[in-house]
PDB file of all heavy atoms in Angstrom:
ATOM      1  N   PHE A   1     186.040 200.125 126.045  1.00  0.00           N
ATOM      2  CA  PHE A   1     186.521 199.573 124.783  1.00  0.00           C
ATOM      3  C   PHE A   1     187.604 200.438 124.127  1.00  0.00           C
ATOM      4  O   PHE A   1     188.259 200.013 123.189  1.00  0.00           O
ATOM      5  CB  PHE A   1     185.349 199.404 123.813  1.00  0.00           C
ATOM      6  CG  PHE A   1     184.230 198.565 124.376  1.00  0.00           C
ATOM      7  CD1 PHE A   1     182.957 199.093 124.548  1.00  0.00           C
ATOM      8  CD2 PHE A   1     184.462 197.254 124.761  1.00  0.00           C
ATOM      9  CE1 PHE A   1     181.933 198.321 125.071  1.00  0.00           C
ATOM     10  CE2 PHE A   1     183.448 196.477 125.291  1.00  0.00           C
ATOM     11  CZ  PHE A   1     182.176 197.022 125.445  1.00  0.00           C
ATOM     12  N   ARG A   2     187.777 201.650 124.641  1.00  0.00           N
ATOM     13  CA  ARG A   2     188.794 202.554 124.105  1.00  0.00           C
ATOM     14  C   ARG A   2     189.315 203.397 125.262  1.00  0.00           C
ATOM     15  O   ARG A   2     188.547 204.095 125.946  1.00  0.00           O
ATOM     16  CB  ARG A   2     188.179 203.439 123.018  1.00  0.00           C
ATOM     17  CG  ARG A   2     189.059 204.559 122.501  1.00  0.00           C
ATOM     18  CD  ARG A   2     190.151 204.082 121.573  1.00  0.00           C
ATOM     19  NE  ARG A   2     190.821 205.213 120.917  1.00  0.00           N
ATOM     20  CZ  ARG A   2     191.982 205.122 120.288  1.00  0.00           C
ATOM     21  NH1 ARG A   2     192.600 203.949 120.192  1.00  0.00           N
ATOM     22  NH2 ARG A   2     192.545 206.179 119.734  1.00  0.00           N
ATOM     23  N   VAL A   3     190.621 203.315 125.507  1.00  0.00           N
ATOM     24  CA  VAL A   3     191.265 204.057 126.584  1.00  0.00           C
ATOM     25  C   VAL A   3     192.508 204.723 126.003  1.00  0.00           C
ATOM     26  O   VAL A   3     193.289 204.076 125.299  1.00  0.00           O
ATOM     27  CB  VAL A   3     191.649 203.123 127.753  1.00  0.00           C
ATOM     28  CG1 VAL A   3     192.410 203.884 128.829  1.00  0.00           C
ATOM     29  CG2 VAL A   3     190.408 202.473 128.346  1.00  0.00           C
ATOM     30  N   VAL A   4     192.679 206.015 126.285  1.00  0.00           N
ATOM     31  CA  VAL A   4     193.806 206.760 125.713  1.00  0.00           C
ATOM     32  C   VAL A   4     194.552 207.498 126.826  1.00  0.00           C
ATOM     33  O   VAL A   4     193.991 207.812 127.871  1.00  0.00           O
ATOM     34  CB  VAL A   4     193.333 207.762 124.638  1.00  0.00           C
ATOM     35  CG1 VAL A   4     192.704 207.024 123.456  1.00  0.00           C
ATOM     36  CG2 VAL A   4     192.342 208.755 125.221  1.00  0.00           C
ATOM     37  N   GLN A   5     195.818 207.797 126.554  1.00  0.00           N
ATOM     38  CA  GLN A   5     196.677 208.491 127.517  1.00  0.00           C
ATOM     39  C   GLN A   5     196.925 209.918 127.066  1.00  0.00           C
ATOM     40  O   GLN A   5     197.249 210.158 125.898  1.00  0.00           O
ATOM     41  CB  GLN A   5     198.011 207.760 127.671  1.00  0.00           C
ATOM     42  CG  GLN A   5     198.909 208.338 128.758  1.00  0.00           C
ATOM     43  CD  GLN A   5     200.191 207.545 128.936  1.00  0.00           C
ATOM     44  OE1 GLN A   5     200.656 206.889 128.006  1.00  0.00           O
ATOM     45  NE2 GLN A   5     200.764 207.595 130.137  1.00  0.00           N
ATOM     46  N   ASP A   6     196.759 210.874 127.995  1.00  0.00           N
ATOM     47  CA  ASP A   6     197.051 212.268 127.699  1.00  0.00           C
ATOM     48  C   ASP A   6     198.569 212.430 127.546  1.00  0.00           C
ATOM     49  O   ASP A   6     199.323 212.043 128.441  1.00  0.00           O
ATOM     50  CB  ASP A   6     196.536 213.160 128.839  1.00  0.00           C
ATOM     51  CG  ASP A   6     196.675 214.637 128.520  1.00  0.00           C
ATOM     52  OD1 ASP A   6     197.825 215.128 128.532  1.00  0.00           O
ATOM     53  OD2 ASP A   6     195.653 215.285 128.272  1.00  0.00           O
ATOM     54  N   PRO A   7     199.028 212.992 126.421  1.00  0.00           N
ATOM     55  CA  PRO A   7     200.476 213.091 126.198  1.00  0.00           C
ATOM     56  C   PRO A   7     201.186 214.005 127.191  1.00  0.00           C
ATOM     57  O   PRO A   7     202.398 213.870 127.394  1.00  0.00           O
ATOM     58  CB  PRO A   7     200.575 213.639 124.770  1.00  0.00           C
ATOM     59  CG  PRO A   7     199.258 214.314 124.521  1.00  0.00           C
ATOM     60  CD  PRO A   7     198.250 213.529 125.298  1.00  0.00           C
ATOM     61  N   ASP A   8     200.452 214.915 127.805  1.00  0.00           N
ATOM     62  CA  ASP A   8     201.070 215.859 128.736  1.00  0.00           C
ATOM     63  C   ASP A   8     200.995 215.370 130.181  1.00  0.00           C
ATOM     64  O   ASP A   8     202.010 215.267 130.872  1.00  0.00           O
ATOM     65  CB  ASP A   8     200.414 217.233 128.604  1.00  0.00           C
ATOM     66  CG  ASP A   8     200.600 217.833 127.216  1.00  0.00           C
ATOM     67  OD1 ASP A   8     201.710 217.686 126.654  1.00  0.00           O
ATOM     68  OD2 ASP A   8     199.643 218.431 126.691  1.00  0.00           O
ATOM     69  N   THR A   9     199.778 215.060 130.663  1.00  0.00           N
ATOM     70  CA  THR A   9     199.609 214.641 132.060  1.00  0.00           C
ATOM     71  C   THR A   9     199.934 213.168 132.269  1.00  0.00           C
ATOM     72  O   THR A   9     200.133 212.739 133.400  1.00  0.00           O
ATOM     73  CB  THR A   9     198.164 214.882 132.512  1.00  0.00           C
ATOM     74  OG1 THR A   9     197.280 214.003 131.778  1.00  0.00           O
ATOM     75  CG2 THR A   9     197.744 216.326 132.273  1.00  0.00           C
ATOM     76  N   LYS A  10     199.941 212.388 131.169  1.00  0.00           N
ATOM     77  CA  LYS A  10     200.178 210.942 131.199  1.00  0.00           C
ATOM     78  C   LYS A  10     199.035 210.167 131.854  1.00  0.00           C
ATOM     79  O   LYS A  10     199.150 208.959 132.087  1.00  0.00           O
ATOM     80  CB  LYS A  10     201.505 210.602 131.904  1.00  0.00           C
ATOM     81  CG  LYS A  10     202.724 211.323 131.335  1.00  0.00           C
ATOM     82  CD  LYS A  10     202.917 211.053 129.856  1.00  0.00           C
ATOM     83  CE  LYS A  10     204.131 211.775 129.303  1.00  0.00           C
ATOM     84  NZ  LYS A  10     204.276 211.607 127.833  1.00  0.00           N
ATOM     85  N   LEU A  11     197.933 210.859 132.161  1.00  0.00           N
ATOM     86  CA  LEU A  11     196.785 210.182 132.750  1.00  0.00           C
ATOM     87  C   LEU A  11     195.952 209.521 131.652  1.00  0.00           C
ATOM     88  O   LEU A  11     195.899 209.988 130.520  1.00  0.00           O
ATOM     89  CB  LEU A  11     195.921 211.176 133.525  1.00  0.00           C
ATOM     90  CG  LEU A  11     196.593 211.853 134.730  1.00  0.00           C
ATOM     91  CD1 LEU A  11     195.641 212.866 135.355  1.00  0.00           C
ATOM     92  CD2 LEU A  11     197.015 210.814 135.758  1.00  0.00           C
ATOM     93  N   PHE A  12     195.280 208.440 132.024  1.00  0.00           N
ATOM     94  CA  PHE A  12     194.446 207.704 131.079  1.00  0.00           C
ATOM     95  C   PHE A  12     192.976 208.067 131.271  1.00  0.00           C
ATOM     96  O   PHE A  12     192.529 208.313 132.391  1.00  0.00           O
ATOM     97  CB  PHE A  12     194.621 206.197 131.268  1.00  0.00           C
ATOM     98  CG  PHE A  12     195.916 205.660 130.745  1.00  0.00           C
ATOM     99  CD1 PHE A  12     197.087 205.765 131.495  1.00  0.00           C
ATOM    100  CD2 PHE A  12     195.984 205.045 129.503  1.00  0.00           C
ATOM    101  CE1 PHE A  12     198.283 205.262 131.025  1.00  0.00           C
ATOM    102  CE2 PHE A  12     197.182 204.534 129.018  1.00  0.00           C
ATOM    103  CZ  PHE A  12     198.327 204.646 129.777  1.00  0.00           C
ATOM    104  N   SER A  13     192.230 208.071 130.183  1.00  0.00           N
ATOM    105  CA  SER A  13     190.784 208.291 130.209  1.00  0.00           C
ATOM    106  C   SER A  13     190.121 207.342 129.223  1.00  0.00           C
ATOM    107  O   SER A  13     190.743 206.897 128.248  1.00  0.00           O
ATOM    108  CB  SER A  13     190.432 209.731 129.814  1.00  0.00           C
ATOM    109  OG  SER A  13     190.990 210.676 130.690  1.00  0.00           O
ATOM    110  N   ALA A  14     188.858 207.022 129.483  1.00  0.00           N
ATOM    111  CA  ALA A  14     188.072 206.312 128.483  1.00  0.00           C
ATOM    112  C   ALA A  14     187.697 207.292 127.384  1.00  0.00           C
ATOM    113  O   ALA A  14     187.700 208.512 127.584  1.00  0.00           O
ATOM    114  CB  ALA A  14     186.822 205.714 129.124  1.00  0.00           C
ATOM    115  N   GLN A  15     187.367 206.764 126.218  1.00  0.00           N
ATOM    116  CA  GLN A  15     186.989 207.605 125.093  1.00  0.00           C
ATOM    117  C   GLN A  15     185.706 207.076 124.469  1.00  0.00           C
ATOM    118  O   GLN A  15     185.564 205.869 124.248  1.00  0.00           O
ATOM    119  CB  GLN A  15     188.103 207.649 124.043  1.00  0.00           C
ATOM    120  CG  GLN A  15     187.899 208.681 122.952  1.00  0.00           C
ATOM    121  CD  GLN A  15     189.133 208.860 122.084  1.00  0.00           C
ATOM    122  OE1 GLN A  15     189.943 207.954 121.931  1.00  0.00           O
ATOM    123  NE2 GLN A  15     189.296 210.033 121.514  1.00  0.00           N
ATOM    124  N   VAL A  16     184.764 207.985 124.233  1.00  0.00           N
ATOM    125  CA  VAL A  16     183.531 207.609 123.538  1.00  0.00           C
ATOM    126  C   VAL A  16     183.920 207.120 122.147  1.00  0.00           C
ATOM    127  O   VAL A  16     184.577 207.849 121.387  1.00  0.00           O
ATOM    128  CB  VAL A  16     182.564 208.816 123.447  1.00  0.00           C
ATOM    129  CG1 VAL A  16     181.300 208.405 122.697  1.00  0.00           C
ATOM    130  CG2 VAL A  16     182.226 209.336 124.842  1.00  0.00           C
ATOM    131  N   TRP A  17     183.507 205.900 121.818  1.00  0.00           N
ATOM    132  CA  TRP A  17     183.983 205.322 120.556  1.00  0.00           C
ATOM    133  C   TRP A  17     182.911 204.419 119.952  1.00  0.00           C
ATOM    134  O   TRP A  17     182.375 203.540 120.626  1.00  0.00           O
ATOM    135  CB  TRP A  17     185.253 204.507 120.797  1.00  0.00           C
ATOM    136  CG  TRP A  17     186.085 204.322 119.560  1.00  0.00           C
ATOM    137  CD1 TRP A  17     186.066 203.266 118.697  1.00  0.00           C
ATOM    138  CD2 TRP A  17     187.043 205.246 119.046  1.00  0.00           C
ATOM    139  NE1 TRP A  17     186.955 203.467 117.679  1.00  0.00           N
ATOM    140  CE2 TRP A  17     187.584 204.678 117.871  1.00  0.00           C
ATOM    141  CE3 TRP A  17     187.512 206.495 119.473  1.00  0.00           C
ATOM    142  CZ2 TRP A  17     188.555 205.326 117.109  1.00  0.00           C
ATOM    143  CZ3 TRP A  17     188.477 207.142 118.715  1.00  0.00           C
ATOM    144  CH2 TRP A  17     188.986 206.556 117.553  1.00  0.00           C
ATOM    145  N   ASP A  18     182.622 204.642 118.696  1.00  0.00           N
ATOM    146  CA  ASP A  18     181.781 203.724 117.931  1.00  0.00           C
ATOM    147  C   ASP A  18     182.653 202.549 117.526  1.00  0.00           C
ATOM    148  O   ASP A  18     183.478 202.677 116.616  1.00  0.00           O
ATOM    149  CB  ASP A  18     181.216 204.413 116.686  1.00  0.00           C
ATOM    150  CG  ASP A  18     179.778 204.838 116.868  1.00  0.00           C
ATOM    151  OD1 ASP A  18     179.031 204.085 117.518  1.00  0.00           O
ATOM    152  OD2 ASP A  18     179.398 205.906 116.363  1.00  0.00           O
ATOM    153  N   MET A  19     182.506 201.420 118.193  1.00  0.00           N
ATOM    154  CA  MET A  19     183.377 200.279 117.904  1.00  0.00           C
ATOM    155  C   MET A  19     183.189 199.801 116.475  1.00  0.00           C
ATOM    156  O   MET A  19     182.091 199.862 115.920  1.00  0.00           O
ATOM    157  CB  MET A  19     183.079 199.136 118.867  1.00  0.00           C
ATOM    158  CG  MET A  19     183.638 199.356 120.250  1.00  0.00           C
ATOM    159  SD  MET A  19     185.442 199.426 120.264  1.00  0.00           S
ATOM    160  CE  MET A  19     185.839 197.716 119.892  1.00  0.00           C
ATOM    161  N   PRO A  20     184.285 199.302 115.849  1.00  0.00           N
ATOM    162  CA  PRO A  20     184.165 198.785 114.482  1.00  0.00           C
ATOM    163  C   PRO A  20     183.221 197.596 114.433  1.00  0.00           C
ATOM    164  O   PRO A  20     183.040 196.869 115.416  1.00  0.00           O
ATOM    165  CB  PRO A  20     185.599 198.377 114.123  1.00  0.00           C
ATOM    166  CG  PRO A  20     186.289 198.204 115.439  1.00  0.00           C
ATOM    167  CD  PRO A  20     185.650 199.186 116.367  1.00  0.00           C
ATOM    168  N   SER A  21     182.612 197.403 113.275  1.00  0.00           N
ATOM    169  CA  SER A  21     181.690 196.291 113.102  1.00  0.00           C
ATOM    170  C   SER A  21     182.428 194.973 113.237  1.00  0.00           C
ATOM    171  O   SER A  21     183.597 194.847 112.864  1.00  0.00           O
ATOM    172  CB  SER A  21     181.030 196.371 111.723  1.00  0.00           C
ATOM    173  OG  SER A  21     180.369 195.172 111.418  1.00  0.00           O
ATOM    174  N   ASP A  22     181.744 193.961 113.807  1.00  0.00           N
ATOM    175  CA  ASP A  22     182.369 192.640 113.899  1.00  0.00           C
ATOM    176  C   ASP A  22     182.043 191.800 112.668  1.00  0.00           C
ATOM    177  O   ASP A  22     182.172 190.579 112.671  1.00  0.00           O
ATOM    178  CB  ASP A  22     181.935 191.917 115.173  1.00  0.00           C
ATOM    179  CG  ASP A  22     180.433 191.647 115.227  1.00  0.00           C
ATOM    180  OD1 ASP A  22     179.731 192.050 114.283  1.00  0.00           O
ATOM    181  OD2 ASP A  22     179.976 191.037 116.196  1.00  0.00           O
ATOM    182  N   LYS A  23     181.622 192.468 111.590  1.00  0.00           N
ATOM    183  CA  LYS A  23     181.290 191.765 110.352  1.00  0.00           C
ATOM    184  C   LYS A  23     182.506 191.598 109.451  1.00  0.00           C
ATOM    185  O   LYS A  23     182.394 191.556 108.234  1.00  0.00           O
ATOM    186  CB  LYS A  23     180.181 192.529 109.592  1.00  0.00           C
ATOM    187  CG  LYS A  23     178.906 192.758 110.390  1.00  0.00           C
ATOM    188  CD  LYS A  23     178.263 191.451 110.841  1.00  0.00           C
ATOM    189  CE  LYS A  23     176.967 191.716 111.597  1.00  0.00           C
ATOM    190  NZ  LYS A  23     176.375 190.466 112.139  1.00  0.00           N
ATOM    191  N   HIS A  24     183.689 191.532 110.054  1.00  0.00           N
ATOM    192  CA  HIS A  24     184.901 191.352 109.267  1.00  0.00           C
ATOM    193  C   HIS A  24     184.920 189.939 108.684  1.00  0.00           C
ATOM    194  O   HIS A  24     184.215 189.040 109.146  1.00  0.00           O
ATOM    195  CB  HIS A  24     186.141 191.587 110.133  1.00  0.00           C
ATOM    196  CG  HIS A  24     186.053 190.972 111.491  1.00  0.00           C
ATOM    197  ND1 HIS A  24     186.091 189.614 111.688  1.00  0.00           N
ATOM    198  CD2 HIS A  24     185.892 191.520 112.707  1.00  0.00           C
ATOM    199  CE1 HIS A  24     185.966 189.359 112.975  1.00  0.00           C
ATOM    200  NE2 HIS A  24     185.841 190.500 113.619  1.00  0.00           N
ATOM    201  N   PRO A  25     185.722 189.713 107.651  1.00  0.00           N
ATOM    202  CA  PRO A  25     185.775 188.380 107.033  1.00  0.00           C
ATOM    203  C   PRO A  25     186.128 187.313 108.055  1.00  0.00           C
ATOM    204  O   PRO A  25     187.063 187.471 108.837  1.00  0.00           O
ATOM    205  CB  PRO A  25     186.884 188.528 105.974  1.00  0.00           C
ATOM    206  CG  PRO A  25     186.978 189.997 105.710  1.00  0.00           C
ATOM    207  CD  PRO A  25     186.622 190.678 106.999  1.00  0.00           C
ATOM    208  N   LYS A  26     185.359 186.238 108.059  1.00  0.00           N
ATOM    209  CA  LYS A  26     185.603 185.168 109.021  1.00  0.00           C
ATOM    210  C   LYS A  26     186.716 184.258 108.517  1.00  0.00           C
ATOM    211  O   LYS A  26     186.763 183.891 107.344  1.00  0.00           O
ATOM    212  CB  LYS A  26     184.325 184.352 109.253  1.00  0.00           C
ATOM    213  CG  LYS A  26     183.211 185.126 109.947  1.00  0.00           C
ATOM    214  CD  LYS A  26     183.607 185.562 111.352  1.00  0.00           C
ATOM    215  CE  LYS A  26     182.478 186.309 112.050  1.00  0.00           C
ATOM    216  NZ  LYS A  26     182.886 186.816 113.367  1.00  0.00           N
ATOM    217  N   PHE A  27     187.627 183.936 109.414  1.00  0.00           N
ATOM    218  CA  PHE A  27     188.735 183.047 109.114  1.00  0.00           C
ATOM    219  C   PHE A  27     188.416 181.707 109.756  1.00  0.00           C
ATOM    220  O   PHE A  27     188.244 181.627 110.971  1.00  0.00           O
ATOM    221  CB  PHE A  27     190.036 183.634 109.673  1.00  0.00           C
ATOM    222  CG  PHE A  27     191.266 182.840 109.329  1.00  0.00           C
ATOM    223  CD1 PHE A  27     191.736 182.799 108.026  1.00  0.00           C
ATOM    224  CD2 PHE A  27     191.962 182.156 110.310  1.00  0.00           C
ATOM    225  CE1 PHE A  27     192.883 182.081 107.699  1.00  0.00           C
ATOM    226  CE2 PHE A  27     193.108 181.437 110.001  1.00  0.00           C
ATOM    227  CZ  PHE A  27     193.566 181.396 108.691  1.00  0.00           C
ATOM    228  N   LYS A  28     188.311 180.660 108.957  1.00  0.00           N
ATOM    229  CA  LYS A  28     187.897 179.364 109.474  1.00  0.00           C
ATOM    230  C   LYS A  28     188.990 178.693 110.297  1.00  0.00           C
ATOM    231  O   LYS A  28     188.739 177.717 110.998  1.00  0.00           O
ATOM    232  CB  LYS A  28     187.466 178.458 108.326  1.00  0.00           C
ATOM    233  CG  LYS A  28     186.208 178.954 107.604  1.00  0.00           C
ATOM    234  CD  LYS A  28     185.792 178.000 106.508  1.00  0.00           C
ATOM    235  CE  LYS A  28     184.534 178.502 105.810  1.00  0.00           C
ATOM    236  NZ  LYS A  28     184.109 177.593 104.708  1.00  0.00           N
ATOM    237  N   GLY A  29     190.179 179.224 110.206  1.00  0.00           N
ATOM    238  CA  GLY A  29     191.284 178.631 110.944  1.00  0.00           C
ATOM    239  C   GLY A  29     192.144 177.757 110.048  1.00  0.00           C
ATOM    240  O   GLY A  29     191.794 177.453 108.910  1.00  0.00           O
ATOM    241  N   LEU A  30     193.275 177.352 110.561  1.00  0.00           N
ATOM    242  CA  LEU A  30     194.162 176.476 109.816  1.00  0.00           C
ATOM    243  C   LEU A  30     193.563 175.075 109.737  1.00  0.00           C
ATOM    244  O   LEU A  30     192.773 174.663 110.583  1.00  0.00           O
ATOM    245  CB  LEU A  30     195.526 176.419 110.511  1.00  0.00           C
ATOM    246  CG  LEU A  30     196.222 177.770 110.727  1.00  0.00           C
ATOM    247  CD1 LEU A  30     197.500 177.569 111.536  1.00  0.00           C
ATOM    248  CD2 LEU A  30     196.520 178.452 109.407  1.00  0.00           C
ATOM    249  N   LYS A  31     193.922 174.350 108.706  1.00  0.00           N
ATOM    250  CA  LYS A  31     193.424 172.987 108.561  1.00  0.00           C
ATOM    251  C   LYS A  31     193.889 172.146 109.741  1.00  0.00           C
ATOM    252  O   LYS A  31     195.010 172.289 110.229  1.00  0.00           O
ATOM    253  CB  LYS A  31     193.917 172.386 107.250  1.00  0.00           C
ATOM    254  CG  LYS A  31     193.293 173.012 105.997  1.00  0.00           C
ATOM    255  CD  LYS A  31     193.774 172.305 104.738  1.00  0.00           C
ATOM    256  CE  LYS A  31     193.123 172.927 103.501  1.00  0.00           C
ATOM    257  NZ  LYS A  31     193.588 172.265 102.253  1.00  0.00           N
ATOM    258  N   ALA A  32     193.009 171.263 110.180  1.00  0.00           N
ATOM    259  CA  ALA A  32     193.328 170.401 111.318  1.00  0.00           C
ATOM    260  C   ALA A  32     194.615 169.630 111.044  1.00  0.00           C
ATOM    261  O   ALA A  32     194.808 169.087 109.953  1.00  0.00           O
ATOM    262  CB  ALA A  32     192.174 169.445 111.588  1.00  0.00           C
ATOM    263  N   GLY A  33     195.479 169.599 112.034  1.00  0.00           N
ATOM    264  CA  GLY A  33     196.723 168.870 111.895  1.00  0.00           C
ATOM    265  C   GLY A  33     197.857 169.660 111.285  1.00  0.00           C
ATOM    266  O   GLY A  33     198.989 169.170 111.189  1.00  0.00           O
ATOM    267  N   THR A  34     197.563 170.911 110.850  1.00  0.00           N
ATOM    268  CA  THR A  34     198.607 171.746 110.265  1.00  0.00           C
ATOM    269  C   THR A  34     199.610 172.152 111.341  1.00  0.00           C
ATOM    270  O   THR A  34     199.224 172.683 112.377  1.00  0.00           O
ATOM    271  CB  THR A  34     198.008 173.013 109.634  1.00  0.00           C
ATOM    272  OG1 THR A  34     197.065 172.641 108.626  1.00  0.00           O
ATOM    273  CG2 THR A  34     199.097 173.878 109.009  1.00  0.00           C
TER     274      THR A  34
END
C-alpha cells in the first residue's frame, strides 16, 4: 500500500504504513444525466 524510492540508489522498497481511514466524507456522485 506504500512504496517509496531511495533518492540515492533509486531502488524501490515497501514501507510500513498505517493506511488512512476510509471514513472520509462520502460523495454520492453527480446527479444522473449531468
